[in-house]
Amino acid sequence: MDSMTASALFTDQERFLATSGSRHALVMDAGTEKTAPSPMELVLVSLCGCTGSDVVNILRKKREPFTSLEVRAEAERAPSPPMVFTAIRLTYRVGGPVSRKAMEDAVRLSKEKYCSVSAMLQATAAITAVIEYV
């Protein structure tokens, strides 16, 4: 079993200094000042990074000649606490002469098999994907 650790140290207002077990740190702000990403924004960032990493690895294994990949997320939240995500739309913008089938397969495999962040979020959110070729 692979275990991980994290901590969040209160600094002021509604800001925290978050530290991962790998000793990387970032600031998050749950308040209205928006001086740093909110915890929920970081969840979306994590989803983009997780699925993006999967897609890159799958395309590399298939020897697809992609030149860029950007993953964007737009989310809707429940109107009352705990205000979980209820819908997430992922947009994958891929550059280079990548075959459509390879890209569609990579996105599907990420969602259905590899992305742990997506697997957790699917419990409350309908996750849809759009692929744009640039």
N, C-alpha and C. Protein backbone atom coordinates (compact mmCIF):
# COMPACT_ATOMS: atom_id res chain seq x y z
N MET A 1 0.85 -1.18 0.00
CA MET A 1 0.00 0.00 0.00
C MET A 1 0.89 1.24 0.00
N ASP A 2 0.56 2.19 -0.85
CA ASP A 2 1.30 3.44 -0.97
C ASP A 2 0.62 4.48 -0.09
N SER A 3 1.34 5.05 0.85
CA SER A 3 0.74 6.07 1.72
C SER A 3 1.35 7.43 1.42
N MET A 4 0.57 8.47 1.71
CA MET A 4 0.99 9.84 1.48
C MET A 4 0.66 10.67 2.69
N THR A 5 1.32 11.80 2.82
CA THR A 5 1.02 12.72 3.91
C THR A 5 0.91 14.13 3.36
N ALA A 6 0.22 14.97 4.12
CA ALA A 6 0.09 16.38 3.79
C ALA A 6 -0.26 17.12 5.08
N SER A 7 0.02 18.41 5.09
CA SER A 7 -0.38 19.23 6.24
C SER A 7 -0.74 20.62 5.76
N ALA A 8 -1.52 21.32 6.58
CA ALA A 8 -1.90 22.71 6.28
C ALA A 8 -1.75 23.51 7.57
N LEU A 9 -0.89 24.50 7.53
CA LEU A 9 -0.59 25.33 8.69
C LEU A 9 -1.28 26.68 8.53
N PHE A 10 -2.15 27.03 9.46
CA PHE A 10 -2.85 28.31 9.44
C PHE A 10 -1.82 29.44 9.52
N THR A 11 -1.98 30.44 8.62
CA THR A 11 -1.07 31.59 8.66
C THR A 11 -1.81 32.85 9.11
N ASP A 12 -2.93 33.19 8.45
CA ASP A 12 -3.74 34.35 8.82
C ASP A 12 -5.02 34.32 8.00
N GLN A 13 -5.98 35.19 8.38
CA GLN A 13 -7.27 35.26 7.69
C GLN A 13 -7.81 33.85 7.49
N GLU A 14 -7.95 33.41 6.22
CA GLU A 14 -8.32 32.03 5.92
C GLU A 14 -7.26 31.37 5.04
N ARG A 15 -6.02 31.81 5.22
CA ARG A 15 -4.90 31.28 4.45
C ARG A 15 -4.16 30.20 5.23
N PHE A 16 -3.67 29.24 4.45
CA PHE A 16 -2.89 28.14 5.01
C PHE A 16 -1.66 27.91 4.15
N LEU A 17 -0.58 27.49 4.78
CA LEU A 17 0.59 27.03 4.05
C LEU A 17 0.50 25.51 4.03
N ALA A 18 0.27 24.97 2.86
CA ALA A 18 0.12 23.52 2.71
C ALA A 18 1.46 22.92 2.32
N THR A 19 1.78 21.79 2.91
CA THR A 19 3.03 21.09 2.62
C THR A 19 2.72 19.63 2.33
N SER A 20 3.28 19.13 1.24
CA SER A 20 3.10 17.73 0.89
C SER A 20 4.18 16.88 1.56
N GLY A 21 3.95 15.60 1.59
CA GLY A 21 4.94 14.69 2.15
C GLY A 21 6.25 14.73 1.40
N SER A 22 6.23 15.14 0.14
CA SER A 22 7.46 15.26 -0.64
C SER A 22 8.15 16.61 -0.40
N ARG A 23 7.65 17.35 0.59
CA ARG A 23 8.22 18.62 1.07
C ARG A 23 8.09 19.78 0.10
N HIS A 24 7.04 19.76 -0.73
CA HIS A 24 6.72 20.91 -1.57
C HIS A 24 5.63 21.69 -0.87
N ALA A 25 5.69 23.01 -0.99
CA ALA A 25 4.73 23.85 -0.27
C ALA A 25 4.01 24.80 -1.22
N LEU A 26 2.80 25.16 -0.82
CA LEU A 26 2.03 26.16 -1.55
C LEU A 26 1.05 26.80 -0.58
N VAL A 27 0.62 27.99 -0.95
CA VAL A 27 -0.35 28.72 -0.13
C VAL A 27 -1.73 28.46 -0.71
N MET A 28 -2.73 28.31 0.16
CA MET A 28 -4.12 28.24 -0.30
C MET A 28 -4.94 29.18 0.56
N ASP A 29 -5.99 29.73 -0.05
CA ASP A 29 -6.82 30.74 0.61
C ASP A 29 -8.28 30.34 0.45
N ALA A 30 -8.92 30.01 1.55
CA ALA A 30 -10.33 29.61 1.53
C ALA A 30 -11.25 30.82 1.71
N GLY A 31 -10.69 32.00 1.87
CA GLY A 31 -11.49 33.20 2.11
C GLY A 31 -11.90 33.91 0.84
N THR A 32 -12.49 35.06 1.02
CA THR A 32 -12.98 35.84 -0.12
C THR A 32 -11.89 36.70 -0.76
N GLU A 33 -10.75 36.84 -0.10
CA GLU A 33 -9.67 37.68 -0.64
C GLU A 33 -9.02 37.09 -1.87
N LYS A 34 -9.04 35.78 -2.01
CA LYS A 34 -8.47 35.08 -3.17
C LYS A 34 -7.00 35.44 -3.41
N THR A 35 -6.21 35.41 -2.34
CA THR A 35 -4.79 35.69 -2.47
C THR A 35 -4.00 34.47 -2.95
N ALA A 36 -4.66 33.34 -3.04
CA ALA A 36 -4.05 32.08 -3.49
C ALA A 36 -5.19 31.17 -3.93
N PRO A 37 -4.87 30.06 -4.58
CA PRO A 37 -5.94 29.14 -4.97
C PRO A 37 -6.70 28.63 -3.75
N SER A 38 -8.00 28.40 -3.94
CA SER A 38 -8.80 27.81 -2.86
C SER A 38 -8.58 26.30 -2.86
N PRO A 39 -8.93 25.63 -1.77
CA PRO A 39 -8.80 24.17 -1.76
C PRO A 39 -9.55 23.50 -2.91
N MET A 40 -10.74 23.98 -3.25
CA MET A 40 -11.51 23.36 -4.34
C MET A 40 -10.87 23.65 -5.70
N GLU A 41 -10.27 24.83 -5.87
CA GLU A 41 -9.54 25.09 -7.11
C GLU A 41 -8.36 24.14 -7.24
N LEU A 42 -7.72 23.84 -6.13
CA LEU A 42 -6.59 22.92 -6.17
C LEU A 42 -7.04 21.50 -6.53
N VAL A 43 -8.26 21.13 -6.16
CA VAL A 43 -8.79 19.83 -6.58
C VAL A 43 -8.90 19.79 -8.10
N LEU A 44 -9.41 20.88 -8.70
CA LEU A 44 -9.52 20.93 -10.16
C LEU A 44 -8.13 20.92 -10.81
N VAL A 45 -7.19 21.66 -10.23
CA VAL A 45 -5.83 21.65 -10.74
C VAL A 45 -5.27 20.23 -10.68
N SER A 46 -5.54 19.54 -9.59
CA SER A 46 -5.07 18.16 -9.45
C SER A 46 -5.67 17.25 -10.52
N LEU A 47 -6.96 17.44 -10.79
CA LEU A 47 -7.60 16.65 -11.84
C LEU A 47 -6.93 16.90 -13.19
N CYS A 48 -6.70 18.17 -13.52
CA CYS A 48 -6.05 18.50 -14.80
C CYS A 48 -4.66 17.87 -14.89
N GLY A 49 -3.90 17.95 -13.82
CA GLY A 49 -2.55 17.38 -13.81
C GLY A 49 -2.56 15.87 -13.89
N CYS A 50 -3.48 15.25 -13.19
CA CYS A 50 -3.57 13.79 -13.16
C CYS A 50 -3.93 13.24 -14.54
N THR A 51 -5.01 13.74 -15.10
CA THR A 51 -5.44 13.22 -16.41
C THR A 51 -4.48 13.65 -17.51
N GLY A 52 -3.92 14.85 -17.41
CA GLY A 52 -2.94 15.29 -18.39
C GLY A 52 -1.72 14.40 -18.42
N SER A 53 -1.24 14.04 -17.25
CA SER A 53 -0.09 13.14 -17.15
C SER A 53 -0.40 11.78 -17.76
N ASP A 54 -1.60 11.27 -17.49
CA ASP A 54 -2.01 9.99 -18.08
C ASP A 54 -2.00 10.07 -19.60
N VAL A 55 -2.63 11.11 -20.14
CA VAL A 55 -2.75 11.26 -21.59
C VAL A 55 -1.37 11.37 -22.23
N VAL A 56 -0.48 12.16 -21.65
CA VAL A 56 0.88 12.29 -22.18
C VAL A 56 1.58 10.92 -22.19
N ASN A 57 1.49 10.18 -21.09
CA ASN A 57 2.15 8.88 -21.02
C ASN A 57 1.58 7.90 -22.04
N ILE A 58 0.26 7.90 -22.21
CA ILE A 58 -0.37 7.00 -23.18
C ILE A 58 0.03 7.38 -24.60
N LEU A 59 0.00 8.68 -24.92
CA LEU A 59 0.40 9.11 -26.26
C LEU A 59 1.86 8.77 -26.55
N ARG A 60 2.72 8.91 -25.55
CA ARG A 60 4.13 8.55 -25.74
C ARG A 60 4.29 7.06 -26.01
N LYS A 61 3.55 6.24 -25.24
CA LYS A 61 3.64 4.79 -25.45
C LYS A 61 3.15 4.40 -26.84
N LYS A 62 2.17 5.15 -27.36
CA LYS A 62 1.66 4.88 -28.71
C LYS A 62 2.52 5.55 -29.78
N ARG A 63 3.56 6.28 -29.35
CA ARG A 63 4.47 7.01 -30.25
C ARG A 63 3.73 8.02 -31.11
N GLU A 64 2.76 8.67 -30.48
CA GLU A 64 2.01 9.72 -31.18
C GLU A 64 2.80 11.03 -31.10
N PRO A 65 2.93 11.74 -32.22
CA PRO A 65 3.77 12.94 -32.28
C PRO A 65 3.06 14.22 -31.81
N PHE A 66 2.64 14.24 -30.56
CA PHE A 66 2.01 15.45 -30.04
C PHE A 66 3.08 16.47 -29.71
N THR A 67 2.74 17.75 -29.83
CA THR A 67 3.71 18.81 -29.54
C THR A 67 3.29 19.63 -28.32
N SER A 68 2.02 19.53 -27.93
CA SER A 68 1.55 20.26 -26.75
C SER A 68 0.28 19.60 -26.23
N LEU A 69 0.01 19.84 -24.97
CA LEU A 69 -1.25 19.40 -24.37
C LEU A 69 -1.61 20.36 -23.25
N GLU A 70 -2.82 20.87 -23.29
CA GLU A 70 -3.36 21.70 -22.22
C GLU A 70 -4.68 21.08 -21.80
N VAL A 71 -4.87 20.95 -20.50
CA VAL A 71 -6.13 20.42 -19.98
C VAL A 71 -6.77 21.52 -19.14
N ARG A 72 -8.01 21.85 -19.46
CA ARG A 72 -8.77 22.86 -18.71
C ARG A 72 -9.98 22.19 -18.07
N ALA A 73 -10.37 22.69 -16.91
CA ALA A 73 -11.54 22.17 -16.22
C ALA A 73 -12.49 23.30 -15.88
N GLU A 74 -13.76 23.07 -16.13
CA GLU A 74 -14.83 23.97 -15.71
C GLU A 74 -15.76 23.14 -14.86
N ALA A 75 -16.11 23.63 -13.68
CA ALA A 75 -16.90 22.82 -12.76
C ALA A 75 -18.09 23.58 -12.20
N GLU A 76 -19.12 22.82 -11.88
CA GLU A 76 -20.28 23.33 -11.16
C GLU A 76 -20.31 22.66 -9.80
N ARG A 77 -20.78 23.42 -8.80
CA ARG A 77 -20.83 22.90 -7.43
C ARG A 77 -22.25 22.85 -6.93
N ALA A 78 -22.47 21.97 -5.97
CA ALA A 78 -23.78 21.88 -5.32
C ALA A 78 -24.06 23.20 -4.60
N PRO A 79 -25.34 23.62 -4.53
CA PRO A 79 -25.67 24.91 -3.94
C PRO A 79 -25.57 24.96 -2.42
N SER A 80 -25.56 23.80 -1.76
CA SER A 80 -25.50 23.81 -0.30
C SER A 80 -24.35 22.92 0.18
N PRO A 81 -23.88 23.17 1.40
CA PRO A 81 -22.74 22.42 1.94
C PRO A 81 -23.01 20.92 1.91
N PRO A 82 -22.00 20.16 1.58
CA PRO A 82 -20.59 20.52 1.47
C PRO A 82 -20.18 21.09 0.11
N MET A 83 -21.08 21.45 -0.74
CA MET A 83 -20.82 22.09 -2.03
C MET A 83 -19.80 21.33 -2.88
N VAL A 84 -20.03 20.03 -3.03
CA VAL A 84 -19.17 19.18 -3.85
C VAL A 84 -19.33 19.55 -5.32
N PHE A 85 -18.41 19.11 -6.13
CA PHE A 85 -18.55 19.28 -7.57
C PHE A 85 -19.66 18.35 -8.05
N THR A 86 -20.54 18.86 -8.89
CA THR A 86 -21.62 18.04 -9.44
C THR A 86 -21.43 17.80 -10.94
N ALA A 87 -20.70 18.66 -11.60
CA ALA A 87 -20.41 18.49 -13.03
C ALA A 87 -19.06 19.11 -13.33
N ILE A 88 -18.26 18.40 -14.11
CA ILE A 88 -16.94 18.89 -14.51
C ILE A 88 -16.79 18.63 -16.01
N ARG A 89 -16.41 19.67 -16.72
CA ARG A 89 -16.14 19.54 -18.16
C ARG A 89 -14.65 19.73 -18.37
N LEU A 90 -14.00 18.72 -18.90
CA LEU A 90 -12.58 18.79 -19.21
C LEU A 90 -12.40 19.07 -20.69
N THR A 91 -11.53 20.01 -21.01
CA THR A 91 -11.20 20.30 -22.39
C THR A 91 -9.72 20.00 -22.57
N TYR A 92 -9.42 19.10 -23.49
CA TYR A 92 -8.06 18.72 -23.82
C TYR A 92 -7.70 19.41 -25.14
N ARG A 93 -6.70 20.29 -25.12
CA ARG A 93 -6.23 20.95 -26.35
C ARG A 93 -4.88 20.33 -26.69
N VAL A 94 -4.87 19.55 -27.76
CA VAL A 94 -3.66 18.84 -28.14
C VAL A 94 -3.12 19.40 -29.44
N GLY A 95 -1.81 19.58 -29.49
CA GLY A 95 -1.15 20.07 -30.70
C GLY A 95 -0.32 18.98 -31.33
N GLY A 96 -0.15 19.08 -32.63
CA GLY A 96 0.65 18.11 -33.36
C GLY A 96 -0.23 17.14 -34.14
N PRO A 97 0.39 16.36 -35.00
CA PRO A 97 -0.36 15.44 -35.85
C PRO A 97 -0.74 14.14 -35.12
N VAL A 98 -1.53 14.28 -34.09
CA VAL A 98 -1.96 13.14 -33.28
C VAL A 98 -3.22 12.54 -33.91
N SER A 99 -3.28 11.22 -34.00
CA SER A 99 -4.49 10.60 -34.56
C SER A 99 -5.65 10.79 -33.58
N ARG A 100 -6.82 11.03 -34.13
CA ARG A 100 -8.01 11.23 -33.29
C ARG A 100 -8.29 10.01 -32.43
N LYS A 101 -8.15 8.83 -33.01
CA LYS A 101 -8.42 7.61 -32.25
C LYS A 101 -7.47 7.48 -31.06
N ALA A 102 -6.19 7.76 -31.28
CA ALA A 102 -5.21 7.66 -30.19
C ALA A 102 -5.56 8.63 -29.07
N MET A 103 -5.94 9.85 -29.43
CA MET A 103 -6.27 10.85 -28.42
C MET A 103 -7.54 10.46 -27.68
N GLU A 104 -8.56 10.02 -28.41
CA GLU A 104 -9.81 9.60 -27.76
C GLU A 104 -9.56 8.41 -26.83
N ASP A 105 -8.74 7.46 -27.26
CA ASP A 105 -8.42 6.30 -26.42
C ASP A 105 -7.67 6.74 -25.16
N ALA A 106 -6.73 7.67 -25.30
CA ALA A 106 -5.95 8.13 -24.16
C ALA A 106 -6.84 8.83 -23.13
N VAL A 107 -7.75 9.67 -23.58
CA VAL A 107 -8.67 10.37 -22.67
C VAL A 107 -9.59 9.36 -21.98
N ARG A 108 -10.11 8.39 -22.73
CA ARG A 108 -11.00 7.38 -22.16
C ARG A 108 -10.26 6.53 -21.12
N LEU A 109 -9.05 6.08 -21.46
CA LEU A 109 -8.28 5.26 -20.52
C LEU A 109 -7.95 6.03 -19.24
N SER A 110 -7.64 7.30 -19.38
CA SER A 110 -7.36 8.11 -18.19
C SER A 110 -8.58 8.12 -17.28
N LYS A 111 -9.74 8.40 -17.86
CA LYS A 111 -10.96 8.51 -17.06
C LYS A 111 -11.37 7.17 -16.46
N GLU A 112 -11.32 6.12 -17.26
CA GLU A 112 -11.86 4.83 -16.83
C GLU A 112 -10.89 3.97 -16.04
N LYS A 113 -9.58 4.22 -16.19
CA LYS A 113 -8.63 3.28 -15.58
C LYS A 113 -7.54 3.93 -14.72
N TYR A 114 -6.95 5.02 -15.20
CA TYR A 114 -5.71 5.48 -14.58
C TYR A 114 -5.81 6.66 -13.62
N CYS A 115 -6.64 7.64 -13.88
CA CYS A 115 -6.62 8.87 -13.09
C CYS A 115 -7.35 8.69 -11.76
N SER A 116 -6.59 8.65 -10.69
CA SER A 116 -7.17 8.45 -9.36
C SER A 116 -8.00 9.64 -8.91
N VAL A 117 -7.62 10.84 -9.32
CA VAL A 117 -8.40 12.03 -8.96
C VAL A 117 -9.77 11.97 -9.62
N SER A 118 -9.80 11.61 -10.88
CA SER A 118 -11.06 11.46 -11.60
C SER A 118 -11.92 10.39 -10.96
N ALA A 119 -11.32 9.28 -10.59
CA ALA A 119 -12.07 8.18 -9.97
C ALA A 119 -12.76 8.64 -8.69
N MET A 120 -12.10 9.47 -7.90
CA MET A 120 -12.71 9.96 -6.66
C MET A 120 -13.81 10.97 -6.94
N LEU A 121 -13.57 11.86 -7.89
CA LEU A 121 -14.55 12.91 -8.18
C LEU A 121 -15.81 12.36 -8.85
N GLN A 122 -15.70 11.25 -9.55
CA GLN A 122 -16.85 10.67 -10.23
C GLN A 122 -17.94 10.22 -9.26
N ALA A 123 -17.63 10.14 -7.99
CA ALA A 123 -18.64 9.76 -7.00
C ALA A 123 -19.73 10.82 -6.89
N THR A 124 -19.39 12.09 -7.17
CA THR A 124 -20.39 13.16 -7.05
C THR A 124 -20.56 13.98 -8.32
N ALA A 125 -19.61 13.89 -9.24
CA ALA A 125 -19.64 14.76 -10.42
C ALA A 125 -19.70 13.97 -11.71
N ALA A 126 -20.53 14.44 -12.62
CA ALA A 126 -20.53 13.91 -13.98
C ALA A 126 -19.38 14.58 -14.71
N ILE A 127 -18.42 13.78 -15.16
CA ILE A 127 -17.24 14.32 -15.82
C ILE A 127 -17.35 14.05 -17.32
N THR A 128 -17.31 15.13 -18.09
CA THR A 128 -17.36 15.02 -19.54
C THR A 128 -16.06 15.56 -20.13
N ALA A 129 -15.76 15.13 -21.34
CA ALA A 129 -14.51 15.53 -21.97
C ALA A 129 -14.75 15.99 -23.40
N VAL A 130 -14.00 17.02 -23.78
CA VAL A 130 -14.00 17.55 -25.14
C VAL A 130 -12.54 17.61 -25.58
N ILE A 131 -12.30 17.21 -26.82
CA ILE A 131 -10.94 17.25 -27.35
C ILE A 131 -10.90 18.29 -28.46
N GLU A 132 -9.93 19.20 -28.36
CA GLU A 132 -9.71 20.21 -29.40
C GLU A 132 -8.33 19.96 -30.00
N TYR A 133 -8.25 19.95 -31.31
CA TYR A 133 -6.99 19.74 -32.02
C TYR A 133 -6.50 21.07 -32.56
N VAL A 134 -5.26 21.44 -32.19
CA VAL A 134 -4.71 22.73 -32.63
C VAL A 134 -3.45 22.51 -33.44
